[in-house]
C-alpha atoms as a PDB file:
ATOM      1  CA  UNK A   1       4.886   2.495  22.525  1.00  0.00           C
ATOM      2  CA  UNK A   2       4.943  -1.633  22.284  1.00  0.00           C
ATOM      3  CA  UNK A   3       4.649  -2.997  19.002  1.00  0.00           C
ATOM      4  CA  UNK A   4       1.207  -3.175  17.709  1.00  0.00           C
ATOM      5  CA  UNK A   5      -0.605  -6.587  17.715  1.00  0.00           C
ATOM      6  CA  UNK A   6      -3.760  -7.645  15.845  1.00  0.00           C
ATOM      7  CA  UNK A   7      -5.779 -10.799  15.201  1.00  0.00           C
ATOM      8  CA  UNK A   8      -7.527 -11.778  12.130  1.00  0.00           C
ATOM      9  CA  UNK A   9     -10.858 -13.868  11.783  1.00  0.00           C
ATOM     10  CA  UNK A  10     -12.317 -14.899   8.322  1.00  0.00           C
ATOM     11  CA  UNK A  11     -11.812 -17.080   5.612  1.00  0.00           C
ATOM     12  CA  UNK A  12      -8.598 -18.483   3.935  1.00  0.00           C
ATOM     13  CA  UNK A  13      -9.335 -20.377   0.766  1.00  0.00           C
ATOM     14  CA  UNK A  14      -7.962 -21.392  -2.415  1.00  0.00           C
ATOM     15  CA  UNK A  15      -8.567 -18.861  -5.465  1.00  0.00           C
ATOM     16  CA  UNK A  16      -8.670 -20.465  -8.777  1.00  0.00           C
ATOM     17  CA  UNK A  17      -8.025 -17.681 -10.921  1.00  0.00           C
ATOM     18  CA  UNK A  18      -8.458 -17.667 -14.661  1.00  0.00           C
ATOM     19  CA  UNK A  19      -5.536 -16.996 -16.905  1.00  0.00           C
ATOM     20  CA  UNK A  20      -5.536 -15.515 -20.459  1.00  0.00           C
ATOM     21  CA  UNK A  21      -5.551 -18.519 -22.014  1.00  0.00           C
ATOM     22  CA  UNK A  22      -8.709 -19.758 -20.308  1.00  0.00           C
ATOM     23  CA  UNK A  23      -6.899 -21.917 -17.867  1.00  0.00           C
ATOM     24  CA  UNK A  24      -7.100 -21.468 -13.926  1.00  0.00           C
ATOM     25  CA  UNK A  25      -4.356 -21.511 -11.398  1.00  0.00           C
ATOM     26  CA  UNK A  26      -4.682 -21.894  -7.641  1.00  0.00           C
ATOM     27  CA  UNK A  27      -3.528 -19.422  -5.255  1.00  0.00           C
ATOM     28  CA  UNK A  28      -4.141 -19.241  -1.619  1.00  0.00           C
ATOM     29  CA  UNK A  29      -6.508 -16.340  -0.908  1.00  0.00           C
ATOM     30  CA  UNK A  30      -9.218 -15.146   1.074  1.00  0.00           C
ATOM     31  CA  UNK A  31      -9.761 -11.581   2.110  1.00  0.00           C
ATOM     32  CA  UNK A  32      -8.840 -11.869   5.831  1.00  0.00           C
ATOM     33  CA  UNK A  33      -6.284 -14.203   5.341  1.00  0.00           C
ATOM     34  CA  UNK A  34      -4.652 -11.713   2.769  1.00  0.00           C
ATOM     35  CA  UNK A  35      -5.221  -9.064   5.458  1.00  0.00           C
ATOM     36  CA  UNK A  36      -3.258 -11.324   8.108  1.00  0.00           C
ATOM     37  CA  UNK A  37      -0.301 -11.907   5.746  1.00  0.00           C
ATOM     38  CA  UNK A  38      -0.208  -8.215   4.828  1.00  0.00           C
ATOM     39  CA  UNK A  39      -0.250  -6.975   8.315  1.00  0.00           C
ATOM     40  CA  UNK A  40       3.040  -9.438   8.958  1.00  0.00           C
ATOM     41  CA  UNK A  41       4.691  -7.619   5.825  1.00  0.00           C
ATOM     42  CA  UNK A  42       3.829  -4.402   7.534  1.00  0.00           C
ATOM     43  CA  UNK A  43       5.955  -5.677  10.642  1.00  0.00           C
ATOM     44  CA  UNK A  44       2.742  -6.097  12.734  1.00  0.00           C
ATOM     45  CA  UNK A  45       2.321  -9.248  15.030  1.00  0.00           C
ATOM     46  CA  UNK A  46      -0.691 -10.866  13.523  1.00  0.00           C
ATOM     47  CA  UNK A  47      -2.690 -14.097  14.967  1.00  0.00           C
ATOM     48  CA  UNK A  48      -5.226 -15.946  12.333  1.00  0.00           C
ATOM     49  CA  UNK A  49      -7.800 -17.267  14.165  1.00  0.00           C
ATOM     50  CA  UNK A  50     -10.111 -19.080  11.736  1.00  0.00           C
ATOM     51  CA  UNK A  51      -9.728 -22.892  11.665  1.00  0.00           C
ATOM     52  CA  UNK A  52      -7.660 -24.350   8.763  1.00  0.00           C
ATOM     53  CA  UNK A  53      -8.722 -27.638   7.028  1.00  0.00           C
ATOM     54  CA  UNK A  54      -6.647 -30.763   7.346  1.00  0.00           C
ATOM     55  CA  UNK A  55      -7.408 -31.703   3.856  1.00  0.00           C
ATOM     56  CA  UNK A  56      -4.944 -31.225   1.062  1.00  0.00           C
ATOM     57  CA  UNK A  57      -5.722 -27.377   0.140  1.00  0.00           C
ATOM     58  CA  UNK A  58      -5.732 -26.810   3.841  1.00  0.00           C
ATOM     59  CA  UNK A  59      -2.101 -28.343   4.198  1.00  0.00           C
ATOM     60  CA  UNK A  60      -0.971 -25.826   1.487  1.00  0.00           C
ATOM     61  CA  UNK A  61      -2.891 -22.909   3.550  1.00  0.00           C
ATOM     62  CA  UNK A  62      -1.330 -23.933   6.918  1.00  0.00           C
ATOM     63  CA  UNK A  63       2.259 -24.241   5.238  1.00  0.00           C
ATOM     64  CA  UNK A  64       1.710 -20.624   3.889  1.00  0.00           C
ATOM     65  CA  UNK A  65       0.813 -19.546   7.319  1.00  0.00           C
ATOM     66  CA  UNK A  66       4.143 -20.822   8.698  1.00  0.00           C
ATOM     67  CA  UNK A  67       6.154 -19.296   5.868  1.00  0.00           C
ATOM     68  CA  UNK A  68       4.610 -16.000   6.064  1.00  0.00           C
ATOM     69  CA  UNK A  69       5.135 -15.474  10.048  1.00  0.00           C
ATOM     70  CA  UNK A  70       1.591 -15.356  10.801  1.00  0.00           C
ATOM     71  CA  UNK A  71       0.529 -16.788  14.245  1.00  0.00           C
ATOM     72  CA  UNK A  72      -1.767 -19.441  14.662  1.00  0.00           C
ATOM     73  CA  UNK A  73      -3.380 -20.876  17.895  1.00  0.00           C
ATOM     74  CA  UNK A  74      -2.467 -24.544  18.406  1.00  0.00           C
ATOM     75  CA  UNK A  75      -4.421 -27.421  17.279  1.00  0.00           C
ATOM     76  CA  UNK A  76      -6.663 -24.951  15.376  1.00  0.00           C
ATOM     77  CA  UNK A  77      -7.596 -27.419  12.777  1.00  0.00           C
ATOM     78  CA  UNK A  78     -10.867 -28.672  11.189  1.00  0.00           C
ATOM     79  CA  UNK A  79     -11.963 -31.968   9.347  1.00  0.00           C
ATOM     80  CA  UNK A  80     -14.307 -29.800   7.347  1.00  0.00           C
ATOM     81  CA  UNK A  81     -13.455 -28.825   3.689  1.00  0.00           C
ATOM     82  CA  UNK A  82     -11.400 -25.825   2.772  1.00  0.00           C
ATOM     83  CA  UNK A  83     -13.482 -22.917   1.015  1.00  0.00           C
ATOM     84  CA  UNK A  84     -12.873 -22.694  -2.941  1.00  0.00           C
ATOM     85  CA  UNK A  85     -13.395 -19.568  -5.037  1.00  0.00           C
ATOM     86  CA  UNK A  86     -13.273 -19.575  -8.960  1.00  0.00           C
ATOM     87  CA  UNK A  87     -12.259 -16.002 -10.115  1.00  0.00           C
ATOM     88  CA  UNK A  88     -12.894 -14.626 -13.616  1.00  0.00           C
ATOM     89  CA  UNK A  89     -11.580 -11.840 -14.969  1.00  0.00           C
ATOM     90  CA  UNK A  90     -12.490  -9.429 -17.573  1.00  0.00           C
ATOM     91  CA  UNK A  91     -10.514  -7.746 -19.797  1.00  0.00           C
ATOM     92  CA  UNK A  92      -9.337  -4.939 -17.432  1.00  0.00           C
ATOM     93  CA  UNK A  93      -8.300  -7.689 -14.818  1.00  0.00           C
ATOM     94  CA  UNK A  94     -11.528  -6.915 -12.701  1.00  0.00           C
ATOM     95  CA  UNK A  95     -12.261 -10.060 -10.782  1.00  0.00           C
ATOM     96  CA  UNK A  96     -15.778 -11.853 -10.362  1.00  0.00           C
ATOM     97  CA  UNK A  97     -16.198 -14.767  -8.383  1.00  0.00           C
ATOM     98  CA  UNK A  98     -18.047 -18.059  -7.760  1.00  0.00           C
ATOM     99  CA  UNK A  99     -17.757 -19.246  -4.163  1.00  0.00           C
ATOM    100  CA  UNK A 100     -18.034 -22.783  -2.391  1.00  0.00           C
ATOM    101  CA  UNK A 101     -18.762 -21.722   1.145  1.00  0.00           C
ATOM    102  CA  UNK A 102     -21.058 -24.293   2.893  1.00  0.00           C
ATOM    103  CA  UNK A 103     -19.936 -26.459   5.578  1.00  0.00           C
ATOM    104  CA  UNK A 104     -16.228 -25.113   5.419  1.00  0.00           C
ATOM    105  CA  UNK A 105     -13.596 -25.080   7.726  1.00  0.00           C
ATOM    106  CA  UNK A 106     -12.968 -21.483   8.457  1.00  0.00           C
ATOM    107  CA  UNK A 107     -16.198 -21.044   9.812  1.00  0.00           C
ATOM    108  CA  UNK A 108     -16.101 -24.186  12.072  1.00  0.00           C
ATOM    109  CA  UNK A 109     -15.853 -22.445  15.379  1.00  0.00           C
ATOM    110  CA  UNK A 110     -18.029 -21.223  18.402  1.00  0.00           C
ATOM    111  CA  UNK A 111     -17.905 -18.012  20.307  1.00  0.00           C
ATOM    112  CA  UNK A 112     -16.409 -19.487  23.611  1.00  0.00           C
ATOM    113  CA  UNK A 113     -13.645 -21.393  21.435  1.00  0.00           C
ATOM    114  CA  UNK A 114     -12.998 -18.198  19.911  1.00  0.00           C
ATOM    115  CA  UNK A 115     -12.551 -16.275  23.000  1.00  0.00           C
ATOM    116  CA  UNK A 116     -10.446 -18.944  24.495  1.00  0.00           C
ATOM    117  CA  UNK A 117      -7.951 -18.528  21.919  1.00  0.00           C
ATOM    118  CA  UNK A 118      -7.780 -14.644  21.611  1.00  0.00           C
ATOM    119  CA  UNK A 119      -4.554 -13.226  22.187  1.00  0.00           C
ATOM    120  CA  UNK A 120      -5.048 -11.123  25.513  1.00  0.00           C
ATOM    121  CA  UNK A 121      -3.187  -8.015  24.376  1.00  0.00           C
ATOM    122  CA  UNK A 122      -4.163  -7.180  20.855  1.00  0.00           C
ATOM    123  CA  UNK A 123      -4.970  -3.676  19.595  1.00  0.00           C
ATOM    124  CA  UNK A 124      -7.112  -4.578  16.844  1.00  0.00           C
ATOM    125  CA  UNK A 125      -9.540  -7.547  15.934  1.00  0.00           C
ATOM    126  CA  UNK A 126     -10.213  -7.716  12.150  1.00  0.00           C
ATOM    127  CA  UNK A 127     -12.994  -9.458  10.210  1.00  0.00           C
ATOM    128  CA  UNK A 128     -15.218  -9.168   7.303  1.00  0.00           C
ATOM    129  CA  UNK A 129     -15.870 -10.472   3.731  1.00  0.00           C
ATOM    130  CA  UNK A 130     -17.200 -14.101   3.804  1.00  0.00           C
ATOM    131  CA  UNK A 131     -17.403 -14.320   7.653  1.00  0.00           C
ATOM    132  CA  UNK A 132     -20.059 -11.622   7.815  1.00  0.00           C
ATOM    133  CA  UNK A 133     -22.856 -14.165   7.191  1.00  0.00           C
ATOM    134  CA  UNK A 134     -25.928 -14.629   9.305  1.00  0.00           C
ATOM    135  CA  UNK A 135     -24.934 -17.942  10.697  1.00  0.00           C
ATOM    136  CA  UNK A 136     -21.865 -15.996  12.155  1.00  0.00           C
ATOM    137  CA  UNK A 137     -23.706 -13.497  14.031  1.00  0.00           C
ATOM    138  CA  UNK A 138     -23.996 -15.549  17.202  1.00  0.00           C
ATOM    139  CA  UNK A 139     -20.445 -16.475  17.064  1.00  0.00           C
ATOM    140  CA  UNK A 140     -18.850 -13.105  16.161  1.00  0.00           C
ATOM    141  CA  UNK A 141     -20.997 -10.704  18.005  1.00  0.00           C
ATOM    142  CA  UNK A 142     -20.210 -11.703  21.495  1.00  0.00           C
ATOM    143  CA  UNK A 143     -16.557 -12.182  20.765  1.00  0.00           C
ATOM    144  CA  UNK A 144     -16.688  -8.174  19.256  1.00  0.00           C
ATOM    145  CA  UNK A 145     -18.665  -7.063  22.604  1.00  0.00           C
ATOM    146  CA  UNK A 146     -15.734  -8.506  25.068  1.00  0.00           C
ATOM    147  CA  UNK A 147     -13.004  -7.421  22.881  1.00  0.00           C
ATOM    148  CA  UNK A 148     -14.565  -3.769  22.761  1.00  0.00           C
ATOM    149  CA  UNK A 149     -15.010  -3.669  26.755  1.00  0.00           C
ATOM    150  CA  UNK A 150     -11.319  -4.403  26.705  1.00  0.00           C
ATOM    151  CA  UNK A 151     -10.739  -1.311  24.809  1.00  0.00           C
ATOM    152  CA  UNK A 152      -9.629  -3.225  21.342  1.00  0.00           C
ATOM    153  CA  UNK A 153     -10.617  -1.622  18.126  1.00  0.00           C
ATOM    154  CA  UNK A 154     -12.766  -3.572  15.879  1.00  0.00           C
ATOM    155  CA  UNK A 155     -12.013  -3.512  12.012  1.00  0.00           C
ATOM    156  CA  UNK A 156     -14.373  -4.703   9.172  1.00  0.00           C
ATOM    157  CA  UNK A 157     -13.868  -5.198   5.548  1.00  0.00           C
ATOM    158  CA  UNK A 158     -17.625  -5.086   4.267  1.00  0.00           C
ATOM    159  CA  UNK A 159     -16.622  -7.040   1.103  1.00  0.00           C
ATOM    160  CA  UNK A 160     -19.782  -7.932  -0.361  1.00  0.00           C
ATOM    161  CA  UNK A 161     -19.825 -11.066  -2.588  1.00  0.00           C
ATOM    162  CA  UNK A 162     -22.800 -12.297  -4.865  1.00  0.00           C
ATOM    163  CA  UNK A 163     -24.110 -15.755  -4.322  1.00  0.00           C
ATOM    164  CA  UNK A 164     -22.592 -15.998  -0.726  1.00  0.00           C
ATOM    165  CA  UNK A 165     -26.038 -16.512   0.836  1.00  0.00           C
ATOM    166  CA  UNK A 166     -29.356 -17.899  -1.222  1.00  0.00           C
ATOM    167  CA  UNK A 167     -31.041 -14.942   1.182  1.00  0.00           C
ATOM    168  CA  UNK A 168     -29.297 -11.675  -0.116  1.00  0.00           C
ATOM    169  CA  UNK A 169     -31.549  -9.594   2.221  1.00  0.00           C
ATOM    170  CA  UNK A 170     -30.555 -11.517   5.121  1.00  0.00           C
ATOM    171  CA  UNK A 171     -27.003 -11.375   4.107  1.00  0.00           C
ATOM    172  CA  UNK A 172     -27.089  -7.655   3.970  1.00  0.00           C
ATOM    173  CA  UNK A 173     -28.769  -7.344   7.428  1.00  0.00           C
ATOM    174  CA  UNK A 174     -26.051  -9.201   8.781  1.00  0.00           C
ATOM    175  CA  UNK A 175     -23.604  -6.999   7.594  1.00  0.00           C
ATOM    176  CA  UNK A 176     -25.343  -3.947   8.674  1.00  0.00           C
ATOM    177  CA  UNK A 177     -25.456  -5.625  12.298  1.00  0.00           C
ATOM    178  CA  UNK A 178     -21.705  -6.268  11.972  1.00  0.00           C
ATOM    179  CA  UNK A 179     -21.062  -2.608  11.130  1.00  0.00           C
ATOM    180  CA  UNK A 180     -22.582  -1.181  14.371  1.00  0.00           C
ATOM    181  CA  UNK A 181     -19.745  -2.727  16.427  1.00  0.00           C
ATOM    182  CA  UNK A 182     -16.995  -1.632  14.083  1.00  0.00           C
ATOM    183  CA  UNK A 183     -14.375   1.269  14.983  1.00  0.00           C
ATOM    184  CA  UNK A 184     -13.123   1.441  11.398  1.00  0.00           C
ATOM    185  CA  UNK A 185     -14.822   0.152   8.190  1.00  0.00           C
ATOM    186  CA  UNK A 186     -13.873  -0.257   4.712  1.00  0.00           C
ATOM    187  CA  UNK A 187     -16.236  -0.269   1.929  1.00  0.00           C
ATOM    188  CA  UNK A 188     -16.228   0.097  -1.840  1.00  0.00           C
ATOM    189  CA  UNK A 189     -18.797   1.775  -4.339  1.00  0.00           C
ATOM    190  CA  UNK A 190     -19.240  -1.826  -5.672  1.00  0.00           C
ATOM    191  CA  UNK A 191     -19.965  -3.161  -2.259  1.00  0.00           C
ATOM    192  CA  UNK A 192     -22.488  -0.308  -1.697  1.00  0.00           C
ATOM    193  CA  UNK A 193     -24.400  -1.366  -4.968  1.00  0.00           C
ATOM    194  CA  UNK A 194     -24.437  -4.987  -4.080  1.00  0.00           C
ATOM    195  CA  UNK A 195     -26.015  -4.048  -0.716  1.00  0.00           C
ATOM    196  CA  UNK A 196     -28.771  -2.295  -2.846  1.00  0.00           C
ATOM    197  CA  UNK A 197     -27.497   1.145  -2.398  1.00  0.00           C
ATOM    198  CA  UNK A 198     -27.226   3.043  -5.688  1.00  0.00           C
ATOM    199  CA  UNK A 199     -26.149   7.004  -6.315  1.00  0.00           C
ATOM    200  CA  UNK A 200     -23.464   8.800  -4.613  1.00  0.00           C
ATOM    201  CA  UNK A 201     -21.257   6.506  -2.485  1.00  0.00           C
ATOM    202  CA  UNK A 202     -20.240   9.098  -0.117  1.00  0.00           C
ATOM    203  CA  UNK A 203     -23.832   9.712   0.983  1.00  0.00           C
ATOM    204  CA  UNK A 204     -24.319   5.865   1.817  1.00  0.00           C
ATOM    205  CA  UNK A 205     -20.701   5.762   3.370  1.00  0.00           C
ATOM    206  CA  UNK A 206     -21.626   8.539   5.575  1.00  0.00           C
ATOM    207  CA  UNK A 207     -25.110   6.743   6.524  1.00  0.00           C
ATOM    208  CA  UNK A 208     -22.812   3.745   7.666  1.00  0.00           C
ATOM    209  CA  UNK A 209     -20.811   6.304   9.667  1.00  0.00           C
ATOM    210  CA  UNK A 210     -23.996   7.139  11.562  1.00  0.00           C
ATOM    211  CA  UNK A 211     -24.484   3.555  12.509  1.00  0.00           C
ATOM    212  CA  UNK A 212     -21.226   3.578  14.244  1.00  0.00           C
ATOM    213  CA  UNK A 213     -20.346   5.104  17.532  1.00  0.00           C
ATOM    214  CA  UNK A 214     -17.316   7.363  17.086  1.00  0.00           C
ATOM    215  CA  UNK A 215     -16.315   5.446  14.053  1.00  0.00           C
ATOM    216  CA  UNK A 216     -14.200   5.651  10.834  1.00  0.00           C
ATOM    217  CA  UNK A 217     -15.225   4.650   7.272  1.00  0.00           C
ATOM    218  CA  UNK A 218     -12.598   4.173   4.435  1.00  0.00           C
ATOM    219  CA  UNK A 219     -14.496   4.342   0.924  1.00  0.00           C
ATOM    220  CA  UNK A 220     -12.565   3.027  -1.994  1.00  0.00           C
ATOM    221  CA  UNK A 221     -13.672   4.149  -5.458  1.00  0.00           C
ATOM    222  CA  UNK A 222     -11.468   2.105  -7.814  1.00  0.00           C
ATOM    223  CA  UNK A 223      -9.545   4.581 -10.276  1.00  0.00           C
ATOM    224  CA  UNK A 224     -11.659   7.295  -8.355  1.00  0.00           C
ATOM    225  CA  UNK A 225      -9.359   7.059  -5.406  1.00  0.00           C
ATOM    226  CA  UNK A 226     -10.454   6.596  -1.888  1.00  0.00           C
ATOM    227  CA  UNK A 227     -11.907   8.741   1.130  1.00  0.00           C
ATOM    228  CA  UNK A 228     -11.593   8.272   4.697  1.00  0.00           C
ATOM    229  CA  UNK A 229     -14.762   9.890   6.490  1.00  0.00           C
ATOM    230  CA  UNK A 230     -15.180  10.573  10.218  1.00  0.00           C
ATOM    231  CA  UNK A 231     -17.245  13.182  11.934  1.00  0.00           C
ATOM    232  CA  UNK A 232     -14.921  15.678  11.394  1.00  0.00           C
ATOM    233  CA  UNK A 233     -12.820  14.651   8.258  1.00  0.00           C
ATOM    234  CA  UNK A 234     -13.632  13.712   4.641  1.00  0.00           C
ATOM    235  CA  UNK A 235     -10.113  13.083   3.319  1.00  0.00           C
ATOM    236  CA  UNK A 236      -9.402  12.275  -0.361  1.00  0.00           C
ATOM    237  CA  UNK A 237      -6.701  10.102  -1.797  1.00  0.00           C
ATOM    238  CA  UNK A 238      -5.866   9.632  -5.482  1.00  0.00           C
ATOM    239  CA  UNK A 239      -4.720   6.315  -6.629  1.00  0.00           C
ATOM    240  CA  UNK A 240      -1.193   5.675  -7.554  1.00  0.00           C
ATOM    241  CA  UNK A 241      -1.396   3.860 -10.914  1.00  0.00           C
ATOM    242  CA  UNK A 242       1.748   1.208 -11.258  1.00  0.00           C
ATOM    243  CA  UNK A 243       3.612   0.961 -14.297  1.00  0.00           C
ATOM    244  CA  UNK A 244       2.951  -2.663 -14.694  1.00  0.00           C
ATOM    245  CA  UNK A 245      -0.615  -4.191 -14.358  1.00  0.00           C
ATOM    246  CA  UNK A 246      -1.047  -7.634 -13.011  1.00  0.00           C
ATOM    247  CA  UNK A 247      -4.343  -7.910 -11.686  1.00  0.00           C
ATOM    248  CA  UNK A 248      -6.454  -6.358  -8.615  1.00  0.00           C
ATOM    249  CA  UNK A 249      -6.900  -9.787  -6.487  1.00  0.00           C
ATOM    250  CA  UNK A 250      -6.184  -8.680  -2.967  1.00  0.00           C
ATOM    251  CA  UNK A 251      -5.516  -5.042  -3.747  1.00  0.00           C
ATOM    252  CA  UNK A 252      -8.370  -3.939  -1.283  1.00  0.00           C
ATOM    253  CA  UNK A 253      -7.029  -6.158   1.391  1.00  0.00           C
ATOM    254  CA  UNK A 254      -3.571  -4.775   0.951  1.00  0.00           C
ATOM    255  CA  UNK A 255      -4.683  -1.397   0.801  1.00  0.00           C
ATOM    256  CA  UNK A 256      -6.814  -1.718   3.944  1.00  0.00           C
ATOM    257  CA  UNK A 257      -4.500  -3.929   6.164  1.00  0.00           C
ATOM    258  CA  UNK A 258      -1.426  -1.113   5.197  1.00  0.00           C
ATOM    259  CA  UNK A 259      -3.594   1.606   6.056  1.00  0.00           C
ATOM    260  CA  UNK A 260      -4.329   0.151   9.365  1.00  0.00           C
ATOM    261  CA  UNK A 261      -0.742  -0.456   9.956  1.00  0.00           C
ATOM    262  CA  UNK A 262       0.205   3.043   9.506  1.00  0.00           C
ATOM    263  CA  UNK A 263      -2.456   4.260  11.862  1.00  0.00           C
ATOM    264  CA  UNK A 264      -1.485   1.566  14.440  1.00  0.00           C
ATOM    265  CA  UNK A 265       2.149   2.750  14.381  1.00  0.00           C
ATOM    266  CA  UNK A 266       1.370   6.543  14.432  1.00  0.00           C
ATOM    267  CA  UNK A 267      -0.914   5.660  17.516  1.00  0.00           C
ATOM    268  CA  UNK A 268      -3.678   7.333  15.190  1.00  0.00           C
ATOM    269  CA  UNK A 269      -6.338   4.738  14.818  1.00  0.00           C
ATOM    270  CA  UNK A 270      -8.957   7.163  15.807  1.00  0.00           C
ATOM    271  CA  UNK A 271     -11.173   9.763  14.368  1.00  0.00           C
ATOM    272  CA  UNK A 272      -9.842  12.303  16.506  1.00  0.00           C
ATOM    273  CA  UNK A 273      -6.355  11.609  14.849  1.00  0.00           C
ATOM    274  CA  UNK A 274      -4.501  14.594  13.241  1.00  0.00           C
ATOM    275  CA  UNK A 275      -5.354  15.336   9.321  1.00  0.00           C
ATOM    276  CA  UNK A 276      -1.695  14.947   8.592  1.00  0.00           C
ATOM    277  CA  UNK A 277      -1.781  11.344  10.043  1.00  0.00           C
ATOM    278  CA  UNK A 278      -4.883  10.194   8.394  1.00  0.00           C
ATOM    279  CA  UNK A 279      -3.813  11.685   5.136  1.00  0.00           C
ATOM    280  CA  UNK A 280      -0.517   9.794   5.480  1.00  0.00           C
ATOM    281  CA  UNK A 281      -2.058   6.394   6.146  1.00  0.00           C
ATOM    282  CA  UNK A 282      -4.711   6.820   3.061  1.00  0.00           C
ATOM    283  CA  UNK A 283      -1.544   7.343   0.714  1.00  0.00           C
ATOM    284  CA  UNK A 284       0.341   4.745   2.351  1.00  0.00           C
ATOM    285  CA  UNK A 285      -2.444   2.374   1.675  1.00  0.00           C
ATOM    286  CA  UNK A 286      -2.778   3.496  -1.596  1.00  0.00           C
ATOM    287  CA  UNK A 287       0.632   2.925  -2.875  1.00  0.00           C
ATOM    288  CA  UNK A 288       0.916  -0.480  -1.078  1.00  0.00           C
ATOM    289  CA  UNK A 289      -1.939  -1.438  -3.079  1.00  0.00           C
ATOM    290  CA  UNK A 290      -0.629  -0.193  -6.310  1.00  0.00           C
ATOM    291  CA  UNK A 291       2.697  -2.570  -5.647  1.00  0.00           C
ATOM    292  CA  UNK A 292       0.166  -5.501  -5.197  1.00  0.00           C
ATOM    293  CA  UNK A 293      -1.630  -4.695  -8.446  1.00  0.00           C
ATOM    294  CA  UNK A 294       1.542  -4.774 -10.288  1.00  0.00           C
ATOM    295  CA  UNK A 295       1.749  -8.611  -9.535  1.00  0.00           C
ATOM    296  CA  UNK A 296      -0.454 -11.468 -10.317  1.00  0.00           C
ATOM    297  CA  UNK A 297      -2.596 -12.745  -7.221  1.00  0.00           C
ATOM    298  CA  UNK A 298      -2.127 -11.233  -3.974  1.00  0.00           C
ATOM    299  CA  UNK A 299       1.523 -10.412  -3.004  1.00  0.00           C
ATOM    300  CA  UNK A 300       1.354  -7.480  -0.215  1.00  0.00           C
ATOM    301  CA  UNK A 301       4.477  -5.308  -0.075  1.00  0.00           C
ATOM    302  CA  UNK A 302       6.769  -4.870   2.997  1.00  0.00           C
ATOM    303  CA  UNK A 303       6.701  -1.579   4.802  1.00  0.00           C
ATOM    304  CA  UNK A 304      10.207  -0.659   3.235  1.00  0.00           C
ATOM    305  CA  UNK A 305       8.821  -1.522  -0.241  1.00  0.00           C
ATOM    306  CA  UNK A 306       5.831   0.958   0.118  1.00  0.00           C
ATOM    307  CA  UNK A 307       8.263   3.554   1.883  1.00  0.00           C
ATOM    308  CA  UNK A 308      10.844   3.711  -0.864  1.00  0.00           C
ATOM    309  CA  UNK A 309       8.098   4.227  -3.593  1.00  0.00           C
ATOM    310  CA  UNK A 310       6.880   7.061  -1.675  1.00  0.00           C
ATOM    311  CA  UNK A 311      10.105   8.493  -0.878  1.00  0.00           C
ATOM    312  CA  UNK A 312      10.648   8.190  -4.884  1.00  0.00           C
ATOM    313  CA  UNK A 313       7.556   9.953  -5.610  1.00  0.00           C
END
């Protein structure tokens, strides 16, 4: 089997993360961008497709792309501003966000332009988070339909955020529309509540699965662990708790990308995959996330680092 290849579309931004003394430090982030970095750490060939700003912050993001080994199409830059997120943390390190997302570089693209720069031989197209907004339906849906006709798997991280759109109902409706085209979706209990879905998270995750065609839903429950749900499976994985706690920024991105990377390498990104392979990927993702949580900011571990921890358990 040839080495898996993926492409990622979605925000790269600057997280201004609150420190214990109340000050803020800048970190390069954005959920899809974190996913791209994590894929590379897992030994997956990854191309990042969103335009990167030519402003000062964009130059920092672009330098990080080159440093981390993420591929980018040539001349895919934008004169629009980089996006910014203020990240506030509670006593447990749990983040909340204030987002600056209007007229930003990472959404400055058309469907035709995105289709033209797509690598021809990718296995997975990943998007999600702040790209799942109404204005991007006409850009991403044609791309997703074209890719699915080629047999490319579509991965979506729902990752709902407050304040992304003035009309929250339209935002939620757009997310549901994107989910219908996905082969694998990650959603958290917090995401479900922000979509207005309260009560048993598993029930709502299964309802999400029903909107998909032969799909897979990864449900994360914080300290409650995670589930991988298909028409034939409901597998649960407890969270590996690290000895040192930094914060949870990027934990979900690390978790999902490590899980997908593990499934790709095992040729198991399918609801028909064996229980053993699916359970192994759940465990791998959980351990990868725990290593990320042990640091400040998003610092995805390598495949070798995750395997070393699993071997020692």
